[in-house]
C-alpha cells in the first residue's frame, strides 16, 4: 500500500489493535490470532495494528514480529495491517524493514526505549526509520517521546512517507497546534488508553478517528459509539459511555497494566483462546474477570452501524 493510500485509510473509519495470543507455554499462537483477526476484519475496521501496544509489542522478541505480521496479513483480507515498531534507532530500523518484508502496509513508531531525548535526537530517530522503508510511517506521541509542532513540521518536509500522527499524551493544546499547522498533510489518530473516553475532545481538536482497544471483544459497541460520535448523536455517545465505558474504566483502573490485560480478558470471554499476558503485566483476578463478563452481558446485544446485532459470548 502506498503511503498516501494508508493516510486515507487512517483518516476514515475506526482503527484497532488486536491482542497477541499466546499458548500455554507463552509462545505466539498463530491459529488463534488468525481466527481473531479474521473476525475483527469482518466488522469493517479501516486499519488493524499488529504487534502494537495492545498486542504487547513491549513483550515480544523482535524475531516474533514478522510472523505476527504475516499471520495478520493472511487473515485480514483487504484490511490494511500496520506493524508496531520501536526501541532504539538501530533496532527500530531493523524491525521496520522486517515488517515491510513480511507484508506490513505501514509502521507505527512507538516511543523509543527508556530515556528522555531532545527534539533533535527524536527527529533523527524518526528520519532514520522513515528512510529505511517505502511504506507509510505513523509517529506516536506519548510518555518520553513528545514531538513538538515545530519538529513535526520539519519532519513532514524531510520524510514524504511520514503520513500519520497518533497522540496518547492527552495534551489537547499541543495536538490542536499540530492539526492547525499541518492540516491535511497527516492523518490524526487518537491514542489515549480506552480512547472512547477522550474521543469527543480529540474530534474537536481535529482528529477524525482513534484506535479502539475494546473493538477486540465488543466490536459492535465500538462501532456504534464511533458512528454516533461522527453523527453528532451526543445522547447516544453519553449512553454508551455511561453504560459500558465508564464501568469498563473502573475495572481497567484497578491495577497498572490492565489497559492491556483487561482487553485480553475480554477477548478470551469473546471465545478466543488468547492466553495470558506476558510479564511484566499480570492478568485480571477471577473476581475482575467476572465483573467484566457481567458488564459485557449487560450491554449485549448492541446494534451496529450496519443495523445487525451481534451476540457476544461471555463466560465468568
Protein backbone atom coordinates (compact mmCIF):
# COMPACT_ATOMS: atom_id res chain seq x y z
CA UNK A 1 0.00 0.00 0.00
CA UNK A 2 1.32 3.44 -0.94
CA UNK A 3 1.78 5.90 1.96
CA UNK A 4 -0.90 8.27 0.66
CA UNK A 5 -3.42 5.43 0.47
CA UNK A 6 -2.59 4.42 4.04
CA UNK A 7 -3.12 8.03 5.14
CA UNK A 8 -6.54 7.99 3.52
CA UNK A 9 -7.49 4.73 5.24
CA UNK A 10 -6.27 6.02 8.61
CA UNK A 11 -8.37 9.17 8.27
CA UNK A 12 -11.70 7.50 7.66
CA UNK A 13 -13.07 4.86 9.98
CA UNK A 14 -12.37 3.10 13.24
CA UNK A 15 -8.94 1.57 13.95
CA UNK A 16 -7.99 -1.23 16.34
CA UNK A 17 -5.06 -3.14 17.82
CA UNK A 18 -5.59 -6.91 18.01
CA UNK A 19 -4.14 -8.60 21.07
CA UNK A 20 -1.34 -11.13 20.51
CA UNK A 21 -2.46 -14.58 21.71
CA UNK A 22 -0.04 -16.89 23.49
CA UNK A 23 -0.30 -20.60 24.11
CA UNK A 24 0.17 -22.34 27.48
CA UNK A 25 3.95 -22.17 27.07
CA UNK A 26 3.79 -18.44 26.38
CA UNK A 27 4.61 -18.75 22.65
CA UNK A 28 2.77 -16.92 19.88
CA UNK A 29 -0.40 -18.81 18.87
CA UNK A 30 -0.86 -18.12 15.13
CA UNK A 31 -4.07 -20.11 14.60
CA UNK A 32 -5.94 -18.26 17.34
CA UNK A 33 -4.53 -14.97 16.08
CA UNK A 34 -5.68 -15.64 12.51
CA UNK A 35 -9.18 -16.53 13.72
CA UNK A 36 -9.41 -13.38 15.83
CA UNK A 37 -8.02 -11.03 13.17
CA UNK A 38 -10.35 -12.52 10.56
CA UNK A 39 -13.32 -11.97 12.89
CA UNK A 40 -12.31 -8.35 13.53
CA UNK A 41 -11.82 -7.67 9.82
CA UNK A 42 -15.46 -8.62 9.31
CA UNK A 43 -16.53 -5.58 11.34
CA UNK A 44 -15.06 -3.12 8.84
CA UNK A 45 -12.16 -1.67 10.79
CA UNK A 46 -10.31 0.71 8.47
CA UNK A 47 -6.87 -0.44 9.67
CA UNK A 48 -5.64 -3.07 12.13
CA UNK A 49 -2.37 -2.60 14.02
CA UNK A 50 -0.49 -5.88 14.56
CA UNK A 51 2.07 -6.24 17.35
CA UNK A 52 1.14 -2.82 18.70
CA UNK A 53 0.69 -1.64 22.26
CA UNK A 54 -2.44 -3.70 22.95
CA UNK A 55 -0.66 -6.52 21.11
CA UNK A 56 2.08 -6.46 23.80
CA UNK A 57 4.80 -5.17 21.47
CA UNK A 58 6.92 -4.44 24.54
CA UNK A 59 6.81 -8.15 25.49
CA UNK A 60 7.66 -9.53 22.06
CA UNK A 61 11.07 -10.58 20.84
CA UNK A 62 11.97 -8.74 17.61
CA UNK A 63 12.16 -12.10 15.85
CA UNK A 64 8.47 -12.75 16.66
CA UNK A 65 7.15 -9.65 14.93
CA UNK A 66 7.47 -10.78 11.27
CA UNK A 67 5.46 -13.97 11.88
CA UNK A 68 2.76 -11.94 13.61
CA UNK A 69 2.61 -9.55 10.63
CA UNK A 70 2.47 -12.38 8.08
CA UNK A 71 -0.31 -14.09 10.03
CA UNK A 72 -2.31 -10.85 10.29
CA UNK A 73 -1.93 -10.10 6.58
CA UNK A 74 -3.12 -13.56 5.60
CA UNK A 75 -6.18 -13.31 7.86
CA UNK A 76 -7.25 -9.69 7.37
CA UNK A 77 -8.38 -9.82 3.75
CA UNK A 78 -8.43 -6.28 2.36
CA UNK A 79 -7.93 -4.61 5.75
CA UNK A 80 -4.52 -2.89 5.90
CA UNK A 81 -2.08 -4.07 8.57
CA UNK A 82 0.24 -1.62 10.32
CA UNK A 83 3.12 -3.09 12.32
CA UNK A 84 4.38 -1.95 15.70
CA UNK A 85 7.99 -0.75 15.76
CA UNK A 86 10.18 0.80 18.42
CA UNK A 87 13.12 0.67 20.86
CA UNK A 88 16.43 2.32 19.93
CA UNK A 89 17.04 3.54 16.40
CA UNK A 90 19.02 0.56 15.08
CA UNK A 91 16.52 -1.94 16.45
CA UNK A 92 13.63 0.15 15.14
CA UNK A 93 15.16 0.31 11.66
CA UNK A 94 15.65 -3.47 11.62
CA UNK A 95 12.09 -4.04 12.85
CA UNK A 96 10.65 -1.64 10.27
CA UNK A 97 12.46 -3.40 7.42
CA UNK A 98 11.44 -6.84 8.69
CA UNK A 99 7.81 -5.76 8.98
CA UNK A 100 7.83 -4.32 5.45
CA UNK A 101 9.32 -7.57 4.13
CA UNK A 102 6.58 -9.50 5.96
CA UNK A 103 3.92 -7.52 4.11
CA UNK A 104 3.02 -4.69 6.50
CA UNK A 105 1.19 -1.76 4.92
CA UNK A 106 2.67 0.72 7.38
CA UNK A 107 4.72 1.22 10.54
CA UNK A 108 3.61 2.63 13.90
CA UNK A 109 6.71 4.04 15.58
CA UNK A 110 6.17 3.65 19.31
CA UNK A 111 8.19 5.68 21.86
CA UNK A 112 11.90 4.94 21.97
CA UNK A 113 13.24 2.96 24.88
CA UNK A 114 13.64 4.30 28.43
CA UNK A 115 15.46 7.63 28.21
CA UNK A 116 14.33 11.18 27.57
CA UNK A 117 15.80 12.73 24.45
CA UNK A 118 15.99 16.21 22.88
CA UNK A 119 13.85 17.14 19.89
CA UNK A 120 16.83 16.93 17.51
CA UNK A 121 17.58 13.37 18.63
CA UNK A 122 13.96 12.23 18.33
CA UNK A 123 13.75 13.81 14.88
CA UNK A 124 16.87 11.93 13.77
CA UNK A 125 15.31 8.70 15.09
CA UNK A 126 12.12 9.26 13.06
CA UNK A 127 14.08 10.20 9.92
CA UNK A 128 16.14 7.02 10.03
CA UNK A 129 13.07 4.79 10.38
CA UNK A 130 11.25 6.61 7.59
CA UNK A 131 14.29 6.36 5.30
CA UNK A 132 14.58 2.61 5.97
CA UNK A 133 11.20 1.70 4.39
CA UNK A 134 8.95 2.67 1.50
CA UNK A 135 5.67 2.17 3.36
CA UNK A 136 3.88 4.81 5.43
CA UNK A 137 5.04 5.66 8.95
CA UNK A 138 2.93 6.92 11.88
CA UNK A 139 4.61 8.55 14.88
CA UNK A 140 3.15 8.05 18.35
CA UNK A 141 3.34 10.97 20.77
CA UNK A 142 3.28 9.80 24.38
CA UNK A 143 5.37 9.30 27.51
CA UNK A 144 9.03 10.10 26.76
CA UNK A 145 8.51 10.70 23.02
CA UNK A 146 6.66 14.00 22.63
CA UNK A 147 7.40 15.61 19.27
CA UNK A 148 6.68 19.32 19.27
CA UNK A 149 4.81 21.02 16.39
CA UNK A 150 7.98 22.67 15.01
CA UNK A 151 9.74 19.29 14.95
CA UNK A 152 6.83 17.60 13.20
CA UNK A 153 6.63 20.39 10.62
CA UNK A 154 10.28 19.81 9.71
CA UNK A 155 9.85 16.03 9.67
CA UNK A 156 6.95 16.05 7.21
CA UNK A 157 9.11 18.12 4.85
CA UNK A 158 12.00 15.68 5.16
CA UNK A 159 10.01 12.41 5.15
CA UNK A 160 7.37 12.01 2.42
CA UNK A 161 6.24 8.67 3.88
CA UNK A 162 5.55 10.15 7.34
CA UNK A 163 1.77 10.17 6.99
CA UNK A 164 0.29 9.76 10.47
CA UNK A 165 0.35 11.33 13.92
CA UNK A 166 -1.06 9.38 16.83
CA UNK A 167 -1.37 11.04 20.21
CA UNK A 168 -1.52 9.44 23.64
CA UNK A 169 -0.34 12.44 25.62
CA UNK A 170 -3.73 13.99 26.33
CA UNK A 171 -2.24 17.45 25.72
CA UNK A 172 -5.09 18.97 23.71
CA UNK A 173 -3.31 22.30 23.33
CA UNK A 174 -0.31 20.64 21.69
CA UNK A 175 -2.32 18.39 19.39
CA UNK A 176 -4.55 21.26 18.30
CA UNK A 177 -1.46 23.23 17.29
CA UNK A 178 -0.26 20.20 15.31
CA UNK A 179 -3.55 19.84 13.41
CA UNK A 180 -3.81 23.59 12.81
CA UNK A 181 -0.27 23.86 11.43
CA UNK A 182 -0.04 20.64 9.42
CA UNK A 183 -3.62 20.44 8.16
CA UNK A 184 -4.27 17.55 5.81
CA UNK A 185 -0.59 16.69 5.42
CA UNK A 186 -1.07 13.95 8.06
CA UNK A 187 -3.76 11.62 9.34
CA UNK A 188 -4.55 12.19 13.03
CA UNK A 189 -5.32 9.29 15.36
CA UNK A 190 -6.40 9.46 19.00
CA UNK A 191 -4.36 7.06 21.08
CA UNK A 192 -5.27 7.52 24.72
CA UNK A 193 -5.93 4.32 26.70
CA UNK A 194 -9.63 3.46 26.19
CA UNK A 195 -9.71 6.19 23.54
CA UNK A 196 -13.50 6.47 23.53
CA UNK A 197 -13.29 8.30 26.86
CA UNK A 198 -11.45 11.14 25.10
CA UNK A 199 -12.91 10.86 21.60
CA UNK A 200 -15.12 13.96 21.73
CA UNK A 201 -12.24 16.19 22.85
CA UNK A 202 -9.95 14.82 20.14
CA UNK A 203 -12.64 15.19 17.49
CA UNK A 204 -12.88 18.85 18.42
CA UNK A 205 -9.09 19.12 18.10
CA UNK A 206 -9.16 17.90 14.50
CA UNK A 207 -8.75 14.14 14.96
CA UNK A 208 -11.17 12.20 12.76
CA UNK A 209 -10.59 8.82 14.39
CA UNK A 210 -8.91 6.85 17.18
CA UNK A 211 -7.72 3.34 17.99
CA UNK A 212 -10.32 1.32 19.88
CA UNK A 213 -8.96 -1.38 22.17
CA UNK A 214 -12.41 -2.72 23.11
CA UNK A 215 -13.03 -3.41 19.41
CA UNK A 216 -11.05 -6.57 20.22
CA UNK A 217 -14.01 -8.13 22.04
CA UNK A 218 -17.11 -5.92 21.63
CA UNK A 219 -16.74 -4.60 18.06
CA UNK A 220 -20.45 -3.78 17.84
CA UNK A 221 -20.23 -1.44 20.83
CA UNK A 222 -17.05 0.15 19.45
CA UNK A 223 -18.57 0.68 16.02
CA UNK A 224 -21.85 2.06 17.35
CA UNK A 225 -20.01 4.55 19.56
CA UNK A 226 -17.87 5.69 16.61
CA UNK A 227 -20.92 6.01 14.37
CA UNK A 228 -22.80 8.08 16.95
CA UNK A 229 -19.73 10.25 17.59
CA UNK A 230 -19.29 11.10 13.91
CA UNK A 231 -23.05 11.67 13.50
CA UNK A 232 -23.11 14.11 16.41
CA UNK A 233 -25.57 11.95 18.38
CA UNK A 234 -24.37 13.04 21.79
CA UNK A 235 -27.24 11.38 23.65
CA UNK A 236 -26.12 8.02 22.23
CA UNK A 237 -22.42 8.51 22.96
CA UNK A 238 -23.26 9.55 26.52
CA UNK A 239 -25.45 6.48 26.99
CA UNK A 240 -22.67 4.14 25.81
CA UNK A 241 -20.09 5.93 27.94
CA UNK A 242 -22.35 5.65 30.98
CA UNK A 243 -23.43 2.05 30.45
CA UNK A 244 -20.21 0.49 29.16
CA UNK A 245 -17.07 2.61 29.00
CA UNK A 246 -17.08 4.18 32.47
CA UNK A 247 -17.74 0.83 34.18
CA UNK A 248 -15.01 -0.70 32.00
CA UNK A 249 -12.66 2.11 33.06
CA UNK A 250 -13.34 1.24 36.69
CA UNK A 251 -12.16 -2.33 36.07
CA UNK A 252 -9.19 -1.16 33.97
CA UNK A 253 -8.05 1.24 36.70
CA UNK A 254 -7.82 -1.45 39.38
CA UNK A 255 -4.19 -2.19 38.52
CA UNK A 256 -1.35 -0.90 36.38
CA UNK A 257 -1.19 -2.64 33.02
CA UNK A 258 -4.88 -3.54 32.94
CA UNK A 259 -5.33 -1.34 29.86
CA UNK A 260 -3.90 -4.39 28.06
CA UNK A 261 -4.80 -7.22 30.44
CA UNK A 262 -8.50 -6.28 30.56
CA UNK A 263 -8.67 -6.31 26.76
CA UNK A 264 -7.08 -9.75 26.60
CA UNK A 265 -9.56 -10.98 29.21
CA UNK A 266 -12.38 -9.64 27.05
CA UNK A 267 -11.01 -11.49 24.01
CA UNK A 268 -11.00 -14.73 25.98
CA UNK A 269 -14.59 -14.09 27.01
CA UNK A 270 -15.48 -13.50 23.34
CA UNK A 271 -14.49 -17.11 22.66
CA UNK A 272 -10.87 -16.80 21.50
CA UNK A 273 -8.18 -18.68 23.44
CA UNK A 274 -5.84 -15.69 23.64
CA UNK A 275 -3.93 -16.99 26.64
CA UNK A 276 -2.48 -14.85 29.38
CA UNK A 277 -0.45 -11.65 29.22
CA UNK A 278 3.32 -11.93 29.42
CA UNK A 279 5.29 -10.48 32.34
CA UNK A 280 5.77 -7.79 33.46
CA UNK A 281 1.97 -7.50 33.06
CA UNK A 282 -0.44 -9.51 35.18
CA UNK A 283 -3.90 -10.84 34.38
CA UNK A 284 -7.19 -9.84 35.93
CA UNK A 285 -8.23 -11.67 39.07
CA UNK A 286 -11.13 -14.13 38.94
CA UNK A 287 -13.36 -11.51 40.58
CA UNK A 288 -12.39 -8.92 37.97
CA UNK A 289 -12.95 -11.40 35.12
CA UNK A 290 -16.46 -11.93 36.49
CA UNK A 291 -17.09 -8.19 36.68
CA UNK A 292 -16.02 -7.85 33.04
CA UNK A 293 -18.24 -10.73 31.96
CA UNK A 294 -21.21 -9.16 33.73
CA UNK A 295 -20.51 -5.80 32.07
CA UNK A 296 -20.41 -7.39 28.61
CA UNK A 297 -23.61 -9.33 29.31
CA UNK A 298 -25.45 -6.17 30.40
CA UNK A 299 -24.53 -4.44 27.15
CA UNK A 300 -25.44 -7.12 24.61
CA UNK A 301 -26.80 -7.29 22.04
CA UNK A 302 -25.88 -3.86 20.68
CA UNK A 303 -27.00 -2.55 17.33
CA UNK A 304 -24.06 -1.99 14.99
CA UNK A 305 -23.69 0.77 12.44
CA UNK A 306 -24.98 -1.62 9.77
CA UNK A 307 -28.09 -2.38 11.82
CA UNK A 308 -27.35 -6.04 12.50
CA UNK A 309 -26.99 -7.45 16.00
CA UNK A 310 -24.10 -9.49 17.30
CA UNK A 311 -24.21 -11.73 20.35
CA UNK A 312 -21.05 -11.52 22.42
CA UNK A 313 -20.15 -14.82 24.05
CA UNK A 314 -19.36 -14.38 27.73
CA UNK A 315 -18.02 -16.60 30.45
CA UNK A 316 -17.09 -15.92 34.03
